[in-house]
Amino acid sequence: MIEVVFERGGDAPFRWLDVTAPDPRELEGLAREHGFHPLSVADCLEPGHLPKLEKIEGTTFVLLRAFDESAPESADTAQALTRKIALFQKDGLLVTIHRVQLPWLEPLKARLAASLADEPSPLSTVALEILAAVLDGYWRPLEAAELAISSFEELIFDERADVELTRRIYKLKRRVTVIRWMARHTLEILKKAPPPSPEKAPFYTDMREQAEALYFAADETADDATTLLNTQLGVSAQQTNEVLRVLTVFSVFFLPLTLVAGIYGMNFEHMPELKWRAGYPIAIGTMLLIGGGILVYAKSRRWLR
């Protein structure tokens, strides 16, 4: 579906087309009509591309990825967590292309369409507003990840913590890593592109600062998630070692006693201890003596607390 969001003529003409869920024929028609490079148009349909900026034959092509609020909690890849939006800018023309409806874009289109009539540079205004909306969309999931890390910190030392907690921490780490990737690539776009005009330079600088703040916040949160995951794995390993230590101590106690019981449990006809009245109490006493000696030795070595 192709929608004309805004159009004006005069000395500074500007036209904004918004294309939703296009098929290859529609994209080919747009490419022929406006002179877009076929490779850039093909990138609109590829799901795996990360944010980037290209300038080809007088056309500026910008590919952004916005956070998808409807993504399931289990999503932890760029394709599952984000949705692409492509921008083609050329000679007073802006074409935005996205494969699905973007909830954050609709109110933005309505607000900008009502204010662009007197805007001296509407193309750069719309592009920067879309970029700002994309960056703003990542703050909410990032703040949610920080709160989740705080809650997980209280659970990792709980003896009831299990594999499910480790899995949740790992999923959280991957989600934050995706946000960090998107912030870094978006920041690279801003570093490559010069300010569109002197009057937009402060807004452009603010966008760079927001992208840098998002990247550093995501990087710090990713480090916190990694530290938390390593701590959880360390606690799990310590708990496993504690169980093995207890089992080892029990083995040290019972193996010698099993040996004594095995010797006196043999059913040979000729044994020195057969028909010996003191044999049974001496065997039991020997076992107790061995057990007591092992107990004293284990405590001296601090195997038992």
Protein backbone atom coordinates (compact mmCIF):
# COMPACT_ATOMS: atom_id res chain seq x y z
CA MET A 1 0.00 0.00 0.00
CA ILE A 2 1.38 3.40 -1.03
CA GLU A 3 0.20 6.42 0.98
CA VAL A 4 0.93 10.05 0.22
CA VAL A 5 1.55 11.38 3.72
CA PHE A 6 2.37 14.94 2.69
CA GLU A 7 2.85 16.85 -0.55
CA ARG A 8 3.46 20.48 -1.39
CA GLY A 9 4.55 22.39 -4.48
CA GLY A 10 5.95 25.86 -4.94
CA ASP A 11 9.58 26.88 -4.84
CA ALA A 12 10.50 24.15 -2.32
CA PRO A 13 8.45 21.11 -3.33
CA PHE A 14 8.37 18.12 -1.04
CA ARG A 15 6.59 14.80 -1.21
CA TRP A 16 6.48 12.04 1.40
CA LEU A 17 5.34 8.57 0.36
CA ASP A 18 4.85 5.84 2.94
CA VAL A 19 4.83 2.28 1.58
CA THR A 20 3.56 -0.59 3.73
CA ALA A 21 4.02 -4.31 2.95
CA PRO A 22 5.07 -3.77 -0.68
CA ASP A 23 5.38 -6.63 -3.11
CA PRO A 24 8.34 -6.87 -5.54
CA ARG A 25 6.30 -5.31 -8.36
CA GLU A 26 5.52 -2.19 -6.33
CA LEU A 27 9.16 -1.81 -5.35
CA GLU A 28 10.29 -2.24 -8.96
CA GLY A 29 7.79 0.42 -10.02
CA LEU A 30 9.06 2.83 -7.36
CA ALA A 31 12.65 2.17 -8.38
CA ARG A 32 11.90 2.89 -12.06
CA GLU A 33 9.76 5.96 -11.35
CA HIS A 34 12.18 7.67 -8.98
CA GLY A 35 15.51 6.26 -10.10
CA PHE A 36 16.34 4.25 -6.96
CA HIS A 37 19.16 1.74 -7.27
CA PRO A 38 17.82 -1.85 -7.57
CA LEU A 39 20.21 -3.18 -4.91
CA SER A 40 18.99 -0.64 -2.35
CA VAL A 41 15.39 -1.49 -3.16
CA ALA A 42 16.14 -5.21 -2.81
CA ASP A 43 17.53 -4.56 0.68
CA CYS A 44 14.05 -3.47 1.78
CA LEU A 45 12.80 -7.04 1.49
CA GLU A 46 15.82 -8.74 3.05
CA PRO A 47 15.10 -9.52 6.73
CA GLY A 48 18.68 -9.76 7.95
CA HIS A 49 20.12 -6.33 7.18
CA LEU A 50 21.38 -4.16 10.05
CA PRO A 51 21.06 -0.34 10.09
CA LYS A 52 23.16 1.34 7.42
CA LEU A 53 23.49 4.41 5.21
CA GLU A 54 24.36 4.45 1.51
CA LYS A 55 24.55 7.21 -1.08
CA ILE A 56 24.06 5.93 -4.63
CA GLU A 57 23.48 8.04 -7.73
CA GLY A 58 22.11 11.06 -5.88
CA THR A 59 19.88 9.01 -3.59
CA THR A 60 20.48 8.67 0.13
CA PHE A 61 19.35 5.26 1.37
CA VAL A 62 18.99 4.77 5.14
CA LEU A 63 17.96 1.49 6.71
CA LEU A 64 16.85 1.58 10.35
CA ARG A 65 15.57 -1.07 12.73
CA ALA A 66 12.97 -0.09 15.35
CA PHE A 67 12.14 -2.12 18.45
CA ASP A 68 8.99 -4.20 18.06
CA GLU A 69 6.81 -3.78 21.14
CA SER A 70 4.77 -6.82 20.14
CA ALA A 71 7.80 -9.14 20.02
CA PRO A 72 7.39 -12.18 22.33
CA GLU A 73 9.45 -12.41 25.49
CA SER A 74 11.37 -15.33 24.02
CA ALA A 75 12.60 -13.24 21.06
CA ASP A 76 16.33 -12.61 21.26
CA THR A 77 17.52 -11.91 17.70
CA ALA A 78 17.58 -8.74 15.62
CA GLN A 79 15.02 -10.19 13.20
CA ALA A 80 12.62 -11.19 15.98
CA LEU A 81 13.02 -8.10 18.18
CA THR A 82 13.05 -5.33 15.59
CA ARG A 83 11.27 -4.18 12.45
CA LYS A 84 12.95 -2.51 9.49
CA ILE A 85 12.09 0.84 8.03
CA ALA A 86 13.88 2.07 4.91
CA LEU A 87 14.20 5.72 3.88
CA PHE A 88 14.94 6.91 0.34
CA GLN A 89 15.77 10.63 0.09
CA LYS A 90 16.16 12.34 -3.28
CA ASP A 91 15.41 15.86 -4.61
CA GLY A 92 12.59 16.82 -2.27
CA LEU A 93 11.24 13.27 -2.16
CA LEU A 94 11.12 10.98 0.87
CA VAL A 95 9.92 7.40 0.56
CA THR A 96 9.59 5.29 3.71
CA ILE A 97 9.17 1.55 3.23
CA HIS A 98 8.32 -1.05 5.89
CA ARG A 99 6.96 -4.58 5.67
CA VAL A 100 4.45 -4.31 8.54
CA GLN A 101 2.45 -1.58 10.20
CA LEU A 102 4.58 0.27 12.75
CA PRO A 103 2.44 1.55 15.66
CA TRP A 104 4.84 4.37 16.52
CA LEU A 105 4.91 5.65 12.93
CA GLU A 106 1.20 6.42 12.55
CA PRO A 107 1.00 9.21 15.17
CA LEU A 108 4.33 10.54 13.92
CA LYS A 109 2.95 10.81 10.37
CA ALA A 110 -0.15 12.61 11.60
CA ARG A 111 1.86 15.08 13.70
CA LEU A 112 4.40 15.85 11.00
CA ALA A 113 1.85 16.12 8.19
CA ALA A 114 0.14 18.89 10.17
CA SER A 115 3.35 20.88 10.69
CA LEU A 116 5.35 20.53 7.46
CA ALA A 117 3.54 23.16 5.42
CA ASP A 118 5.76 25.98 6.69
CA GLU A 119 8.87 23.88 7.32
CA PRO A 120 11.88 25.20 5.33
CA SER A 121 13.60 21.79 5.16
CA PRO A 122 10.86 19.17 5.55
CA LEU A 123 12.92 16.25 4.22
CA SER A 124 15.60 16.49 6.91
CA THR A 125 12.93 17.21 9.54
CA VAL A 126 11.02 14.02 8.78
CA ALA A 127 14.19 11.92 8.58
CA LEU A 128 15.48 13.18 11.92
CA GLU A 129 12.08 12.75 13.58
CA ILE A 130 11.90 9.14 12.40
CA LEU A 131 15.42 8.53 13.67
CA ALA A 132 14.53 10.08 17.04
CA ALA A 133 11.44 7.87 17.31
CA VAL A 134 13.51 4.77 16.51
CA LEU A 135 16.04 5.63 19.23
CA ASP A 136 13.32 6.44 21.77
CA GLY A 137 11.73 3.05 21.17
CA TYR A 138 14.76 1.23 22.61
CA TRP A 139 14.77 2.97 26.00
CA ARG A 140 11.72 1.20 27.40
CA PRO A 141 12.99 -2.39 26.82
CA LEU A 142 16.43 -1.33 28.04
CA GLU A 143 15.00 0.04 31.29
CA ALA A 144 12.92 -3.14 31.66
CA ALA A 145 16.11 -5.18 31.25
CA GLU A 146 17.82 -3.17 34.00
CA LEU A 147 14.91 -3.84 36.37
CA ALA A 148 14.99 -7.54 35.48
CA ILE A 149 18.71 -7.69 36.27
CA SER A 150 18.05 -6.15 39.68
CA SER A 151 15.38 -8.76 40.41
CA PHE A 152 17.60 -11.61 39.22
CA GLU A 153 20.41 -10.47 41.51
CA GLU A 154 18.20 -11.28 44.50
CA LEU A 155 17.45 -14.77 43.20
CA ILE A 156 20.83 -16.17 42.18
CA PHE A 157 21.88 -16.94 45.76
CA ASP A 158 18.59 -18.68 46.49
CA GLU A 159 19.18 -22.40 46.88
CA ARG A 160 16.00 -22.99 44.84
CA ALA A 161 17.47 -21.21 41.79
CA ASP A 162 17.49 -23.64 38.89
CA VAL A 163 18.29 -23.95 35.21
CA GLU A 164 15.25 -21.84 34.30
CA LEU A 165 16.79 -18.81 36.00
CA THR A 166 20.01 -19.29 34.05
CA ARG A 167 18.03 -19.53 30.81
CA ARG A 168 16.12 -16.32 31.59
CA ILE A 169 19.33 -14.44 32.35
CA TYR A 170 20.87 -15.69 29.10
CA LYS A 171 17.80 -14.63 27.10
CA LEU A 172 17.93 -11.20 28.73
CA LYS A 173 21.61 -10.86 27.86
CA ARG A 174 20.88 -11.64 24.19
CA ARG A 175 18.04 -9.10 24.05
CA VAL A 176 20.25 -6.36 25.48
CA THR A 177 23.02 -7.33 23.07
CA VAL A 178 20.60 -6.80 20.16
CA ILE A 179 19.78 -3.31 21.47
CA ARG A 180 23.51 -2.57 21.74
CA TRP A 181 24.03 -3.69 18.12
CA MET A 182 21.21 -1.48 16.89
CA ALA A 183 22.46 1.52 18.87
CA ARG A 184 26.01 1.09 17.56
CA HIS A 185 24.97 0.79 13.92
CA THR A 186 22.57 3.72 14.24
CA LEU A 187 25.35 5.78 15.78
CA GLU A 188 27.56 4.88 12.81
CA ILE A 189 24.86 6.22 10.48
CA LEU A 190 24.88 9.55 12.31
CA LYS A 191 28.66 9.70 12.19
CA LYS A 192 28.68 9.15 8.43
CA ALA A 193 25.93 11.63 7.61
CA PRO A 194 26.77 15.36 7.94
CA PRO A 195 24.21 17.75 9.46
CA PRO A 196 21.50 18.28 6.82
CA SER A 197 21.39 22.06 7.26
CA PRO A 198 22.69 24.72 9.68
CA GLU A 199 19.29 25.17 11.31
CA LYS A 200 19.06 21.40 11.89
CA ALA A 201 22.58 21.10 13.31
CA PRO A 202 21.45 21.31 17.00
CA PHE A 203 18.79 18.65 16.41
CA TYR A 204 21.32 16.49 14.60
CA THR A 205 23.82 16.88 17.45
CA ASP A 206 21.11 15.92 19.92
CA MET A 207 20.40 12.77 17.89
CA ARG A 208 24.07 11.79 18.03
CA GLU A 209 24.12 12.33 21.78
CA GLN A 210 20.99 10.23 22.20
CA ALA A 211 22.48 7.44 20.10
CA GLU A 212 25.71 7.54 22.10
CA ALA A 213 23.79 7.53 25.39
CA LEU A 214 21.70 4.56 24.22
CA TYR A 215 24.79 2.67 23.09
CA PHE A 216 26.71 3.21 26.33
CA ALA A 217 23.64 2.39 28.45
CA ALA A 218 23.06 -0.81 26.46
CA ASP A 219 26.75 -1.70 26.67
CA GLU A 220 26.73 -1.26 30.46
CA THR A 221 23.53 -3.26 30.82
CA ALA A 222 24.95 -6.03 28.63
CA ASP A 223 28.04 -6.15 30.84
CA ASP A 224 25.81 -6.35 33.94
CA ALA A 225 23.86 -9.21 32.37
CA THR A 226 27.09 -11.02 31.48
CA THR A 227 28.41 -10.58 35.02
CA LEU A 228 25.11 -11.81 36.44
CA LEU A 229 25.15 -14.85 34.16
CA ASN A 230 28.72 -15.71 35.16
CA THR A 231 27.80 -15.30 38.82
CA GLN A 232 24.78 -17.57 38.41
CA LEU A 233 26.91 -20.22 36.71
CA GLY A 234 29.51 -19.88 39.47
CA VAL A 235 26.89 -20.28 42.21
CA SER A 236 25.45 -23.32 40.43
CA ALA A 237 28.92 -24.84 40.18
CA GLN A 238 29.54 -24.14 43.86
CA GLN A 239 26.29 -25.82 44.84
CA THR A 240 27.20 -28.83 42.71
CA ASN A 241 30.65 -28.97 44.30
CA GLU A 242 29.06 -28.84 47.75
CA VAL A 243 26.89 -31.84 46.94
CA LEU A 244 29.88 -33.75 45.56
CA ARG A 245 31.91 -32.87 48.65
CA VAL A 246 29.26 -34.30 50.97
CA LEU A 247 28.96 -37.43 48.85
CA THR A 248 32.74 -37.82 48.85
CA VAL A 249 32.90 -37.56 52.63
CA PHE A 250 30.21 -40.22 52.96
CA SER A 251 32.18 -42.43 50.59
CA VAL A 252 35.33 -41.97 52.67
CA PHE A 253 33.40 -43.10 55.75
CA PHE A 254 31.67 -46.11 54.31
CA LEU A 255 34.23 -47.61 51.96
CA PRO A 256 36.53 -48.91 54.78
CA LEU A 257 33.51 -50.13 56.72
CA THR A 258 32.26 -51.92 53.62
CA LEU A 259 35.66 -53.57 53.30
CA VAL A 260 35.52 -54.90 56.90
CA ALA A 261 31.92 -56.05 56.47
CA GLY A 262 32.83 -57.72 53.18
CA ILE A 263 35.70 -59.66 54.75
CA TYR A 264 33.59 -60.92 57.64
CA GLY A 265 30.67 -61.63 55.37
CA MET A 266 32.53 -64.22 53.29
CA ASN A 267 31.17 -67.76 53.61
CA PHE A 268 34.38 -69.79 53.52
CA GLU A 269 34.40 -72.99 55.60
CA HIS A 270 37.79 -72.43 57.19
CA MET A 271 38.16 -68.91 58.62
CA PRO A 272 40.16 -68.03 61.76
CA GLU A 273 37.37 -65.85 63.13
CA LEU A 274 34.63 -68.51 62.89
CA LYS A 275 33.25 -69.74 66.22
CA TRP A 276 35.04 -66.88 67.97
CA ARG A 277 32.83 -65.39 70.67
CA ALA A 278 34.61 -61.99 70.62
CA GLY A 279 34.62 -61.79 66.82
CA TYR A 280 31.36 -59.88 66.39
CA PRO A 281 31.99 -57.15 69.00
CA ILE A 282 35.59 -56.79 67.81
CA ALA A 283 34.41 -56.39 64.18
CA ILE A 284 31.87 -53.76 65.22
CA GLY A 285 34.45 -52.04 67.40
CA THR A 286 36.94 -52.03 64.51
CA MET A 287 34.34 -50.37 62.30
CA LEU A 288 33.60 -47.74 64.94
CA LEU A 289 37.30 -47.12 65.46
CA ILE A 290 37.89 -46.68 61.72
CA GLY A 291 34.86 -44.40 61.42
CA GLY A 292 35.99 -42.28 64.39
CA GLY A 293 39.49 -42.00 62.98
CA ILE A 294 38.17 -40.86 59.63
CA LEU A 295 35.90 -38.33 61.36
CA VAL A 296 38.81 -36.84 63.30
CA TYR A 297 40.94 -36.69 60.17
CA ALA A 298 38.14 -35.06 58.11
CA LYS A 299 37.63 -32.37 60.74
CA SER A 300 41.37 -31.71 60.97
CA ARG A 301 41.42 -31.21 57.19
CA ARG A 302 38.27 -29.04 57.40
CA TRP A 303 36.33 -31.31 55.09
CA LEU A 304 33.41 -31.08 57.50
CA ARG A 305 32.06 -27.83 58.89
